[in-house]
Amino acid sequence: MKNVTHVSCFFKILIVLLFSNFSALAQKTTIWVVRHAEKEVSAPDAPNPDPNLSQDGKERAIALAKVLKRENIKAIYVTPTKRSGQTAKPLAVQAHIFPRIYTDTIKPFAKALLNNFKGAKVLVVGHSNTVMPILDALGADMPLDKLSEEDFDMIFKVTIKDSGKVNLEVYYYGTLHHTSDLPERYRPYKQNNQQYLRPITNY
């Protein structure tokens, strides 16, 4: 009887371990990518190479923290610029995360993200000329060649499954502020009185 009990316990432990491993393998890696929020405009005769966020930018940074509040973000990456760090600050404070600065070229950085944060959720704050290359390096679609100088309200959610399938979802957040025309398949649609961009899937 004792042996039967031991065998039964063994199989229960084995089943728990198998399910735990299956759950771990089934986890998705999620990388949220945004451009920094609106920045202060420099005077033509005194250009500022590293401006702070404007008031609109500060409000957008707060909106970003609200959007990602329940996403359980595990890491935040920003560039060395003030506007990138300030965009991430409200979420960093809210989630008790110290942002990390990335200076690597985009492809090695994307590879490191996928290797080091498998199964986790990460926020990356980039710039108008780096957001699309970051999406591309992660294996996602690029809705535009690059963001315009007036595109501030798009947030890109890249989900990578263990199978290698990459899913891209694009949303507007905060006050609408963009000038780029997206391809038809990305055009906004409304749901619950909020405006979203259609999700796109890569295979």
N, C-alpha and C. Protein backbone atom coordinates (compact mmCIF):
# COMPACT_ATOMS: atom_id res chain seq x y z
N MET A 1 0.83 -1.20 0.00
CA MET A 1 0.00 0.00 0.00
C MET A 1 0.86 1.25 0.00
N LYS A 2 1.97 1.17 0.78
CA LYS A 2 2.87 2.31 0.87
C LYS A 2 3.51 2.59 -0.48
N ASN A 3 3.88 1.47 -1.21
CA ASN A 3 4.50 1.63 -2.52
C ASN A 3 3.54 2.28 -3.52
N VAL A 4 2.27 1.89 -3.44
CA VAL A 4 1.25 2.47 -4.32
C VAL A 4 1.13 3.96 -4.07
N THR A 5 1.16 4.34 -2.80
CA THR A 5 1.07 5.76 -2.43
C THR A 5 2.26 6.53 -2.98
N HIS A 6 3.47 5.93 -2.87
CA HIS A 6 4.68 6.59 -3.38
C HIS A 6 4.61 6.76 -4.89
N VAL A 7 4.13 5.71 -5.57
CA VAL A 7 4.00 5.78 -7.04
C VAL A 7 3.00 6.86 -7.43
N SER A 8 1.88 6.91 -6.70
CA SER A 8 0.86 7.92 -6.97
C SER A 8 1.42 9.33 -6.80
N CYS A 9 2.17 9.54 -5.72
CA CYS A 9 2.79 10.86 -5.47
C CYS A 9 3.78 11.20 -6.56
N PHE A 10 4.54 10.19 -7.01
CA PHE A 10 5.54 10.40 -8.05
C PHE A 10 4.88 10.90 -9.33
N PHE A 11 3.76 10.25 -9.70
CA PHE A 11 3.08 10.63 -10.93
C PHE A 11 2.45 12.02 -10.81
N LYS A 12 1.98 12.35 -9.62
CA LYS A 12 1.41 13.69 -9.41
C LYS A 12 2.49 14.76 -9.59
N ILE A 13 3.67 14.49 -9.01
CA ILE A 13 4.78 15.44 -9.13
C ILE A 13 5.21 15.56 -10.59
N LEU A 14 5.26 14.41 -11.29
CA LEU A 14 5.66 14.39 -12.69
C LEU A 14 4.69 15.21 -13.54
N ILE A 15 3.39 15.06 -13.28
CA ILE A 15 2.37 15.81 -14.04
C ILE A 15 2.52 17.31 -13.79
N VAL A 16 2.73 17.68 -12.53
CA VAL A 16 2.92 19.10 -12.20
C VAL A 16 4.12 19.68 -12.93
N LEU A 17 5.23 18.92 -12.93
CA LEU A 17 6.44 19.38 -13.61
C LEU A 17 6.23 19.50 -15.11
N LEU A 18 5.53 18.54 -15.69
CA LEU A 18 5.27 18.58 -17.12
C LEU A 18 4.43 19.79 -17.49
N PHE A 19 3.39 20.05 -16.70
CA PHE A 19 2.55 21.20 -16.97
C PHE A 19 3.31 22.51 -16.76
N SER A 20 4.19 22.54 -15.76
CA SER A 20 4.99 23.74 -15.51
C SER A 20 5.91 24.01 -16.69
N ASN A 21 6.54 22.95 -17.19
CA ASN A 21 7.44 23.11 -18.33
C ASN A 21 6.68 23.53 -19.58
N PHE A 22 5.50 22.93 -19.77
CA PHE A 22 4.69 23.28 -20.93
C PHE A 22 4.28 24.75 -20.86
N SER A 23 3.90 25.20 -19.66
CA SER A 23 3.50 26.59 -19.47
C SER A 23 4.66 27.53 -19.79
N ALA A 24 5.86 27.16 -19.31
CA ALA A 24 7.03 28.00 -19.56
C ALA A 24 7.34 28.06 -21.05
N LEU A 25 7.21 26.90 -21.73
CA LEU A 25 7.50 26.86 -23.16
C LEU A 25 6.48 27.66 -23.96
N ALA A 26 5.25 27.71 -23.45
CA ALA A 26 4.18 28.38 -24.18
C ALA A 26 4.17 29.89 -23.96
N GLN A 27 5.06 30.39 -23.14
CA GLN A 27 5.08 31.81 -22.85
C GLN A 27 5.43 32.64 -24.08
N LYS A 28 4.87 33.84 -24.15
CA LYS A 28 5.17 34.76 -25.24
C LYS A 28 6.09 35.86 -24.74
N THR A 29 6.93 36.34 -25.62
CA THR A 29 7.76 37.50 -25.33
C THR A 29 7.07 38.70 -25.95
N THR A 30 6.88 39.75 -25.18
CA THR A 30 6.19 40.94 -25.67
C THR A 30 7.08 42.16 -25.54
N ILE A 31 7.33 42.82 -26.65
CA ILE A 31 8.14 44.05 -26.66
C ILE A 31 7.25 45.20 -27.11
N TRP A 32 7.05 46.17 -26.24
CA TRP A 32 6.31 47.38 -26.58
C TRP A 32 7.32 48.41 -27.05
N VAL A 33 7.05 49.04 -28.19
CA VAL A 33 7.98 50.03 -28.75
C VAL A 33 7.22 51.34 -29.01
N VAL A 34 7.77 52.44 -28.50
CA VAL A 34 7.18 53.76 -28.75
C VAL A 34 8.28 54.75 -29.10
N ARG A 35 7.88 55.80 -29.75
CA ARG A 35 8.78 56.94 -29.93
C ARG A 35 8.68 57.79 -28.67
N HIS A 36 9.72 58.54 -28.37
CA HIS A 36 9.63 59.46 -27.24
C HIS A 36 8.47 60.43 -27.45
N ALA A 37 7.96 61.00 -26.40
CA ALA A 37 6.84 61.93 -26.48
C ALA A 37 7.29 63.30 -26.99
N GLU A 38 6.33 64.22 -27.13
CA GLU A 38 6.61 65.54 -27.68
C GLU A 38 7.71 66.26 -26.88
N LYS A 39 8.60 66.94 -27.60
CA LYS A 39 9.73 67.63 -26.97
C LYS A 39 9.57 69.14 -27.07
N GLU A 40 10.30 69.85 -26.24
CA GLU A 40 10.33 71.31 -26.33
C GLU A 40 10.97 71.73 -27.64
N VAL A 41 10.44 72.79 -28.23
CA VAL A 41 10.97 73.29 -29.50
C VAL A 41 12.05 74.33 -29.21
N SER A 42 13.20 74.12 -29.81
CA SER A 42 14.33 75.04 -29.60
C SER A 42 14.18 76.28 -30.47
N ALA A 43 14.77 77.37 -30.02
CA ALA A 43 14.81 78.59 -30.83
C ALA A 43 15.74 78.37 -32.01
N PRO A 44 15.40 78.90 -33.19
CA PRO A 44 16.23 78.69 -34.37
C PRO A 44 17.68 79.11 -34.19
N ASP A 45 17.90 80.16 -33.40
CA ASP A 45 19.26 80.67 -33.22
C ASP A 45 19.99 80.01 -32.05
N ALA A 46 19.27 79.12 -31.34
CA ALA A 46 19.90 78.43 -30.21
C ALA A 46 19.37 77.00 -30.12
N PRO A 47 19.71 76.17 -31.11
CA PRO A 47 19.21 74.78 -31.11
C PRO A 47 19.71 73.99 -29.91
N ASN A 48 18.79 73.21 -29.33
CA ASN A 48 19.12 72.38 -28.18
C ASN A 48 19.19 70.93 -28.63
N PRO A 49 20.37 70.32 -28.61
CA PRO A 49 20.50 68.93 -29.09
C PRO A 49 19.86 67.90 -28.17
N ASP A 50 19.55 68.30 -26.93
CA ASP A 50 18.96 67.33 -25.99
C ASP A 50 17.84 68.00 -25.20
N PRO A 51 16.71 68.29 -25.86
CA PRO A 51 15.61 68.99 -25.18
C PRO A 51 14.84 68.10 -24.21
N ASN A 52 14.16 68.76 -23.28
CA ASN A 52 13.24 68.07 -22.37
C ASN A 52 11.91 67.86 -23.07
N LEU A 53 11.03 67.11 -22.45
CA LEU A 53 9.67 66.98 -22.97
C LEU A 53 8.92 68.29 -22.78
N SER A 54 8.03 68.58 -23.71
CA SER A 54 7.13 69.71 -23.56
C SER A 54 6.01 69.31 -22.60
N GLN A 55 5.09 70.23 -22.32
CA GLN A 55 3.96 69.88 -21.46
C GLN A 55 3.12 68.79 -22.10
N ASP A 56 2.91 68.88 -23.42
CA ASP A 56 2.18 67.83 -24.12
C ASP A 56 2.91 66.50 -23.99
N GLY A 57 4.23 66.54 -24.07
CA GLY A 57 5.03 65.33 -23.95
C GLY A 57 4.91 64.71 -22.57
N LYS A 58 4.91 65.55 -21.55
CA LYS A 58 4.77 65.04 -20.18
C LYS A 58 3.42 64.36 -19.99
N GLU A 59 2.38 64.95 -20.59
CA GLU A 59 1.05 64.34 -20.50
C GLU A 59 1.01 63.01 -21.25
N ARG A 60 1.72 62.95 -22.37
CA ARG A 60 1.76 61.69 -23.12
C ARG A 60 2.51 60.62 -22.33
N ALA A 61 3.56 61.01 -21.65
CA ALA A 61 4.31 60.05 -20.83
C ALA A 61 3.42 59.46 -19.74
N ILE A 62 2.57 60.29 -19.17
CA ILE A 62 1.62 59.81 -18.16
C ILE A 62 0.60 58.87 -18.80
N ALA A 63 0.17 59.22 -20.02
CA ALA A 63 -0.78 58.36 -20.74
C ALA A 63 -0.15 57.00 -21.04
N LEU A 64 1.14 56.99 -21.36
CA LEU A 64 1.84 55.73 -21.63
C LEU A 64 1.85 54.84 -20.39
N ALA A 65 2.10 55.45 -19.24
CA ALA A 65 2.10 54.69 -17.98
C ALA A 65 0.73 54.09 -17.71
N LYS A 66 -0.33 54.81 -18.05
CA LYS A 66 -1.69 54.29 -17.85
C LYS A 66 -1.98 53.12 -18.79
N VAL A 67 -1.52 53.24 -20.04
CA VAL A 67 -1.75 52.19 -21.03
C VAL A 67 -1.08 50.88 -20.61
N LEU A 68 0.12 50.99 -20.05
CA LEU A 68 0.90 49.80 -19.71
C LEU A 68 0.82 49.42 -18.23
N LYS A 69 -0.08 50.04 -17.51
CA LYS A 69 -0.19 49.84 -16.07
C LYS A 69 -0.35 48.38 -15.67
N ARG A 70 -1.16 47.63 -16.40
CA ARG A 70 -1.45 46.24 -16.03
C ARG A 70 -0.68 45.24 -16.91
N GLU A 71 0.33 45.70 -17.60
CA GLU A 71 1.06 44.81 -18.52
C GLU A 71 2.20 44.06 -17.85
N ASN A 72 2.49 44.37 -16.60
CA ASN A 72 3.55 43.67 -15.87
C ASN A 72 4.90 43.77 -16.61
N ILE A 73 5.25 45.00 -16.97
CA ILE A 73 6.51 45.25 -17.66
C ILE A 73 7.67 44.90 -16.73
N LYS A 74 8.63 44.14 -17.26
CA LYS A 74 9.77 43.69 -16.46
C LYS A 74 11.03 44.51 -16.66
N ALA A 75 11.13 45.20 -17.81
CA ALA A 75 12.31 46.00 -18.08
C ALA A 75 11.94 47.16 -18.99
N ILE A 76 12.66 48.26 -18.85
CA ILE A 76 12.44 49.45 -19.68
C ILE A 76 13.78 49.87 -20.25
N TYR A 77 13.81 50.09 -21.55
CA TYR A 77 15.04 50.54 -22.22
C TYR A 77 14.81 51.91 -22.85
N VAL A 78 15.74 52.82 -22.62
CA VAL A 78 15.67 54.17 -23.17
C VAL A 78 17.02 54.52 -23.80
N THR A 79 17.03 55.56 -24.62
CA THR A 79 18.29 56.05 -25.17
C THR A 79 18.89 57.04 -24.16
N PRO A 80 20.11 57.52 -24.39
CA PRO A 80 20.73 58.45 -23.43
C PRO A 80 20.10 59.84 -23.41
N THR A 81 19.12 60.12 -24.29
CA THR A 81 18.53 61.46 -24.37
C THR A 81 17.53 61.71 -23.25
N LYS A 82 17.37 62.97 -22.90
CA LYS A 82 16.42 63.35 -21.84
C LYS A 82 14.99 62.98 -22.25
N ARG A 83 14.63 63.25 -23.50
CA ARG A 83 13.24 63.03 -23.94
C ARG A 83 12.85 61.55 -23.90
N SER A 84 13.79 60.68 -24.16
CA SER A 84 13.51 59.24 -24.08
C SER A 84 13.32 58.81 -22.63
N GLY A 85 14.23 59.22 -21.77
CA GLY A 85 14.14 58.87 -20.35
C GLY A 85 12.91 59.45 -19.69
N GLN A 86 12.56 60.69 -20.04
CA GLN A 86 11.39 61.33 -19.44
C GLN A 86 10.10 60.70 -19.92
N THR A 87 10.09 60.17 -21.13
CA THR A 87 8.90 59.47 -21.63
C THR A 87 8.62 58.22 -20.81
N ALA A 88 9.69 57.54 -20.42
CA ALA A 88 9.54 56.29 -19.66
C ALA A 88 9.36 56.51 -18.17
N LYS A 89 9.69 57.69 -17.68
CA LYS A 89 9.76 57.92 -16.23
C LYS A 89 8.47 57.60 -15.47
N PRO A 90 7.28 58.08 -15.90
CA PRO A 90 6.07 57.76 -15.12
C PRO A 90 5.84 56.26 -14.98
N LEU A 91 6.06 55.50 -16.04
CA LEU A 91 5.89 54.04 -15.95
C LEU A 91 6.96 53.43 -15.06
N ALA A 92 8.19 53.93 -15.18
CA ALA A 92 9.29 53.40 -14.37
C ALA A 92 9.01 53.59 -12.89
N VAL A 93 8.52 54.76 -12.53
CA VAL A 93 8.19 55.05 -11.12
C VAL A 93 7.03 54.15 -10.67
N GLN A 94 6.02 54.05 -11.52
CA GLN A 94 4.84 53.24 -11.21
C GLN A 94 5.18 51.77 -11.02
N ALA A 95 6.06 51.26 -11.88
CA ALA A 95 6.40 49.83 -11.86
C ALA A 95 7.64 49.52 -11.02
N HIS A 96 8.24 50.55 -10.43
CA HIS A 96 9.46 50.37 -9.62
C HIS A 96 10.58 49.72 -10.43
N ILE A 97 10.78 50.26 -11.64
CA ILE A 97 11.82 49.75 -12.53
C ILE A 97 12.81 50.86 -12.83
N PHE A 98 14.10 50.54 -12.77
CA PHE A 98 15.12 51.50 -13.14
C PHE A 98 15.43 51.31 -14.63
N PRO A 99 15.11 52.31 -15.47
CA PRO A 99 15.33 52.15 -16.91
C PRO A 99 16.80 51.90 -17.25
N ARG A 100 17.01 51.07 -18.25
CA ARG A 100 18.36 50.78 -18.74
C ARG A 100 18.59 51.56 -20.03
N ILE A 101 19.79 52.03 -20.19
CA ILE A 101 20.13 52.79 -21.40
C ILE A 101 20.73 51.84 -22.43
N TYR A 102 20.20 51.90 -23.65
CA TYR A 102 20.77 51.08 -24.73
C TYR A 102 21.49 51.98 -25.73
N THR A 103 22.68 51.57 -26.09
CA THR A 103 23.49 52.32 -27.04
C THR A 103 23.99 51.43 -28.17
N ASP A 104 23.70 50.13 -28.09
CA ASP A 104 24.13 49.21 -29.14
C ASP A 104 23.43 49.53 -30.46
N THR A 105 23.99 49.04 -31.55
CA THR A 105 23.28 49.15 -32.81
C THR A 105 22.01 48.29 -32.71
N ILE A 106 21.04 48.58 -33.55
CA ILE A 106 19.69 48.04 -33.37
C ILE A 106 19.62 46.52 -33.43
N LYS A 107 20.25 45.89 -34.41
CA LYS A 107 20.13 44.44 -34.53
C LYS A 107 20.70 43.68 -33.33
N PRO A 108 21.91 44.02 -32.84
CA PRO A 108 22.42 43.35 -31.64
C PRO A 108 21.54 43.62 -30.42
N PHE A 109 20.99 44.84 -30.33
CA PHE A 109 20.12 45.18 -29.21
C PHE A 109 18.86 44.33 -29.24
N ALA A 110 18.24 44.21 -30.41
CA ALA A 110 17.02 43.39 -30.54
C ALA A 110 17.31 41.94 -30.20
N LYS A 111 18.42 41.43 -30.66
CA LYS A 111 18.79 40.04 -30.38
C LYS A 111 18.97 39.82 -28.88
N ALA A 112 19.61 40.79 -28.21
CA ALA A 112 19.81 40.68 -26.76
C ALA A 112 18.48 40.71 -26.02
N LEU A 113 17.54 41.55 -26.48
CA LEU A 113 16.21 41.60 -25.86
C LEU A 113 15.54 40.23 -25.92
N LEU A 114 15.56 39.64 -27.10
CA LEU A 114 14.88 38.35 -27.29
C LEU A 114 15.56 37.23 -26.51
N ASN A 115 16.86 37.31 -26.35
CA ASN A 115 17.59 36.28 -25.60
C ASN A 115 17.43 36.43 -24.10
N ASN A 116 17.44 37.67 -23.63
CA ASN A 116 17.47 37.93 -22.18
C ASN A 116 16.09 38.06 -21.53
N PHE A 117 15.05 38.28 -22.33
CA PHE A 117 13.72 38.52 -21.75
C PHE A 117 12.67 37.60 -22.35
N LYS A 118 13.06 36.38 -22.61
CA LYS A 118 12.12 35.41 -23.17
C LYS A 118 10.97 35.18 -22.18
N GLY A 119 9.75 35.33 -22.66
CA GLY A 119 8.59 35.13 -21.81
C GLY A 119 8.20 36.35 -21.00
N ALA A 120 8.96 37.44 -21.12
CA ALA A 120 8.69 38.66 -20.33
C ALA A 120 8.14 39.77 -21.22
N LYS A 121 7.82 40.90 -20.58
CA LYS A 121 7.31 42.06 -21.30
C LYS A 121 8.26 43.24 -21.07
N VAL A 122 8.60 43.91 -22.15
CA VAL A 122 9.62 44.96 -22.11
C VAL A 122 9.12 46.19 -22.86
N LEU A 123 9.48 47.37 -22.38
CA LEU A 123 9.19 48.62 -23.09
C LEU A 123 10.49 49.18 -23.64
N VAL A 124 10.46 49.60 -24.91
CA VAL A 124 11.60 50.27 -25.53
C VAL A 124 11.14 51.63 -26.03
N VAL A 125 11.83 52.68 -25.62
CA VAL A 125 11.51 54.04 -26.07
C VAL A 125 12.58 54.48 -27.07
N GLY A 126 12.16 54.71 -28.30
CA GLY A 126 13.11 55.07 -29.34
C GLY A 126 12.87 56.45 -29.91
N HIS A 127 13.27 56.63 -31.16
CA HIS A 127 13.17 57.91 -31.85
C HIS A 127 12.50 57.71 -33.20
N SER A 128 12.19 58.80 -33.88
CA SER A 128 11.45 58.71 -35.14
C SER A 128 12.18 57.85 -36.18
N ASN A 129 13.51 57.87 -36.15
CA ASN A 129 14.28 57.11 -37.14
C ASN A 129 14.73 55.74 -36.65
N THR A 130 14.32 55.34 -35.44
CA THR A 130 14.74 54.03 -34.93
C THR A 130 13.58 53.08 -34.64
N VAL A 131 12.36 53.60 -34.48
CA VAL A 131 11.23 52.74 -34.13
C VAL A 131 10.99 51.66 -35.19
N MET A 132 10.92 52.05 -36.45
CA MET A 132 10.68 51.06 -37.51
C MET A 132 11.83 50.04 -37.62
N PRO A 133 13.10 50.49 -37.60
CA PRO A 133 14.19 49.50 -37.62
C PRO A 133 14.17 48.55 -36.43
N ILE A 134 13.71 49.01 -35.26
CA ILE A 134 13.60 48.12 -34.10
C ILE A 134 12.54 47.05 -34.37
N LEU A 135 11.39 47.46 -34.91
CA LEU A 135 10.35 46.48 -35.25
C LEU A 135 10.89 45.45 -36.23
N ASP A 136 11.60 45.93 -37.24
CA ASP A 136 12.16 45.05 -38.26
C ASP A 136 13.15 44.06 -37.65
N ALA A 137 14.00 44.56 -36.75
CA ALA A 137 15.01 43.70 -36.11
C ALA A 137 14.36 42.65 -35.21
N LEU A 138 13.17 42.94 -34.69
CA LEU A 138 12.45 41.98 -33.86
C LEU A 138 11.67 40.96 -34.70
N GLY A 139 11.69 41.15 -36.01
CA GLY A 139 10.99 40.22 -36.90
C GLY A 139 9.58 40.62 -37.23
N ALA A 140 9.19 41.84 -36.87
CA ALA A 140 7.82 42.31 -37.10
C ALA A 140 7.73 43.08 -38.41
N ASP A 141 6.51 43.34 -38.81
CA ASP A 141 6.25 44.15 -40.00
C ASP A 141 6.61 45.60 -39.71
N MET A 142 6.90 46.38 -40.75
CA MET A 142 7.12 47.82 -40.62
C MET A 142 5.97 48.54 -41.32
N PRO A 143 5.05 49.14 -40.57
CA PRO A 143 3.91 49.82 -41.21
C PRO A 143 4.34 51.01 -42.06
N LEU A 144 5.46 51.66 -41.70
CA LEU A 144 5.96 52.83 -42.40
C LEU A 144 7.47 52.68 -42.60
N ASP A 145 8.02 53.43 -43.53
CA ASP A 145 9.47 53.44 -43.68
C ASP A 145 10.12 54.06 -42.45
N LYS A 146 9.51 55.11 -41.95
CA LYS A 146 9.96 55.76 -40.71
C LYS A 146 8.83 56.64 -40.21
N LEU A 147 8.89 57.00 -38.95
CA LEU A 147 7.92 57.93 -38.38
C LEU A 147 8.30 59.35 -38.79
N SER A 148 7.29 60.19 -38.99
CA SER A 148 7.57 61.59 -39.30
C SER A 148 7.89 62.33 -38.01
N GLU A 149 8.33 63.54 -38.14
CA GLU A 149 8.67 64.35 -36.96
C GLU A 149 7.42 64.68 -36.13
N GLU A 150 6.24 64.49 -36.70
CA GLU A 150 5.00 64.80 -35.98
C GLU A 150 4.22 63.55 -35.60
N ASP A 151 4.84 62.40 -35.67
CA ASP A 151 4.18 61.16 -35.25
C ASP A 151 4.58 60.83 -33.81
N PHE A 152 3.65 61.01 -32.89
CA PHE A 152 3.96 60.77 -31.48
C PHE A 152 3.00 59.80 -30.79
N ASP A 153 1.88 59.47 -31.42
CA ASP A 153 0.81 58.80 -30.69
C ASP A 153 0.66 57.30 -30.97
N MET A 154 1.63 56.70 -31.65
CA MET A 154 1.51 55.28 -31.97
C MET A 154 2.32 54.43 -31.01
N ILE A 155 1.74 53.33 -30.59
CA ILE A 155 2.44 52.38 -29.73
C ILE A 155 2.38 51.01 -30.41
N PHE A 156 3.52 50.36 -30.49
CA PHE A 156 3.66 49.11 -31.24
C PHE A 156 3.89 47.96 -30.27
N LYS A 157 3.07 46.93 -30.39
CA LYS A 157 3.18 45.76 -29.53
C LYS A 157 3.64 44.57 -30.37
N VAL A 158 4.85 44.11 -30.11
CA VAL A 158 5.41 42.97 -30.84
C VAL A 158 5.36 41.75 -29.93
N THR A 159 4.68 40.71 -30.37
CA THR A 159 4.58 39.47 -29.61
C THR A 159 5.30 38.37 -30.37
N ILE A 160 6.25 37.73 -29.72
CA ILE A 160 7.03 36.65 -30.34
C ILE A 160 6.72 35.34 -29.63
N LYS A 161 6.19 34.38 -30.37
CA LYS A 161 5.90 33.07 -29.81
C LYS A 161 7.12 32.16 -29.96
N ASP A 162 7.16 31.09 -29.17
CA ASP A 162 8.27 30.15 -29.26
C ASP A 162 8.35 29.50 -30.64
N SER A 163 7.22 29.45 -31.33
CA SER A 163 7.20 28.86 -32.67
C SER A 163 7.92 29.74 -33.69
N GLY A 164 8.20 30.99 -33.29
CA GLY A 164 8.83 31.93 -34.20
C GLY A 164 7.84 32.87 -34.85
N LYS A 165 6.56 32.63 -34.64
CA LYS A 165 5.53 33.52 -35.19
C LYS A 165 5.58 34.87 -34.49
N VAL A 166 5.55 35.94 -35.28
CA VAL A 166 5.62 37.29 -34.75
C VAL A 166 4.31 38.01 -35.05
N ASN A 167 3.72 38.60 -34.03
CA ASN A 167 2.47 39.32 -34.19
C ASN A 167 2.69 40.79 -33.84
N LEU A 168 2.23 41.68 -34.72
CA LEU A 168 2.35 43.12 -34.47
C LEU A 168 0.98 43.74 -34.32
N GLU A 169 0.79 44.45 -33.23
CA GLU A 169 -0.44 45.23 -33.03
C GLU A 169 -0.02 46.67 -32.84
N VAL A 170 -0.77 47.58 -33.48
CA VAL A 170 -0.46 49.00 -33.41
C VAL A 170 -1.66 49.75 -32.89
N TYR A 171 -1.44 50.64 -31.92
CA TYR A 171 -2.53 51.39 -31.33
C TYR A 171 -2.17 52.87 -31.25
N TYR A 172 -3.18 53.72 -31.22
CA TYR A 172 -2.99 55.11 -30.84
C TYR A 172 -3.12 55.19 -29.31
N TYR A 173 -2.39 56.09 -28.69
CA TYR A 173 -2.58 56.29 -27.25
C TYR A 173 -2.43 57.78 -26.95
N GLY A 174 -3.05 58.20 -25.86
CA GLY A 174 -3.00 59.61 -25.51
C GLY A 174 -3.73 60.47 -26.53
N THR A 175 -3.43 61.77 -26.55
CA THR A 175 -4.01 62.69 -27.51
C THR A 175 -3.48 62.38 -28.91
N LEU A 176 -4.37 62.32 -29.89
CA LEU A 176 -3.94 62.02 -31.25
C LEU A 176 -2.96 63.09 -31.75
N HIS A 177 -1.83 62.63 -32.30
CA HIS A 177 -0.82 63.56 -32.80
C HIS A 177 0.06 62.81 -33.81
N HIS A 178 -0.37 62.83 -35.08
CA HIS A 178 0.41 62.18 -36.13
C HIS A 178 0.08 62.82 -37.47
N THR A 179 0.98 62.68 -38.42
CA THR A 179 0.76 63.18 -39.78
C THR A 179 0.92 62.08 -40.83
N SER A 180 1.52 60.98 -40.47
CA SER A 180 1.76 59.91 -41.43
C SER A 180 0.46 59.18 -41.79
N ASP A 181 0.32 58.88 -43.07
CA ASP A 181 -0.80 58.07 -43.55
C ASP A 181 -0.38 56.61 -43.55
N LEU A 182 -1.10 55.80 -42.82
CA LEU A 182 -0.78 54.38 -42.76
C LEU A 182 -1.42 53.63 -43.93
N PRO A 183 -0.85 52.50 -44.32
CA PRO A 183 -1.48 51.68 -45.36
C PRO A 183 -2.90 51.29 -44.95
N GLU A 184 -3.72 50.96 -45.93
CA GLU A 184 -5.13 50.67 -45.69
C GLU A 184 -5.34 49.63 -44.59
N ARG A 185 -4.52 48.60 -44.57
CA ARG A 185 -4.71 47.53 -43.58
C ARG A 185 -4.44 47.98 -42.16
N TYR A 186 -3.82 49.14 -42.00
CA TYR A 186 -3.55 49.67 -40.66
C TYR A 186 -4.51 50.79 -40.28
N ARG A 187 -5.45 51.11 -41.16
CA ARG A 187 -6.33 52.25 -40.89
C ARG A 187 -7.10 52.08 -39.58
N PRO A 188 -7.38 53.17 -38.88
CA PRO A 188 -8.06 53.09 -37.58
C PRO A 188 -9.47 52.51 -37.66
N TYR A 189 -9.85 51.87 -36.61
CA TYR A 189 -11.24 51.44 -36.46
C TYR A 189 -11.65 51.77 -35.03
N LYS A 190 -12.93 51.89 -34.81
CA LYS A 190 -13.42 52.28 -33.48
C LYS A 190 -14.01 51.09 -32.75
N GLN A 191 -13.74 51.06 -31.44
CA GLN A 191 -14.29 50.01 -30.59
C GLN A 191 -14.48 50.61 -29.20
N ASN A 192 -15.69 50.52 -28.69
CA ASN A 192 -16.00 51.11 -27.38
C ASN A 192 -15.62 52.59 -27.32
N ASN A 193 -15.91 53.30 -28.43
CA ASN A 193 -15.66 54.74 -28.53
C ASN A 193 -14.18 55.12 -28.46
N GLN A 194 -13.29 54.13 -28.63
CA GLN A 194 -11.86 54.42 -28.68
C GLN A 194 -11.33 54.05 -30.06
N GLN A 195 -10.34 54.80 -30.51
CA GLN A 195 -9.80 54.58 -31.84
C GLN A 195 -8.54 53.72 -31.77
N TYR A 196 -8.51 52.67 -32.56
CA TYR A 196 -7.38 51.75 -32.56
C TYR A 196 -6.86 51.59 -33.99
N LEU A 197 -5.70 51.00 -34.10
CA LEU A 197 -5.19 50.60 -35.41
C LEU A 197 -5.36 49.10 -35.52
N ARG A 198 -5.63 48.62 -36.72
CA ARG A 198 -5.86 47.19 -36.91
C ARG A 198 -4.58 46.38 -36.66
N PRO A 199 -4.69 45.25 -35.95
CA PRO A 199 -3.51 44.40 -35.74
C PRO A 199 -3.11 43.71 -37.02
N ILE A 200 -1.80 43.54 -37.20
CA ILE A 200 -1.26 42.86 -38.36
C ILE A 200 -0.44 41.67 -37.87
N THR A 201 -0.54 40.54 -38.57
CA THR A 201 0.20 39.34 -38.18
C THR A 201 1.21 38.98 -39.25
N ASN A 202 2.44 38.69 -38.82
CA ASN A 202 3.47 38.17 -39.72
C ASN A 202 3.61 36.67 -39.52
N TYR A 203 3.92 35.94 -40.54
CA TYR A 203 4.12 34.50 -40.43
C TYR A 203 5.52 34.14 -40.91
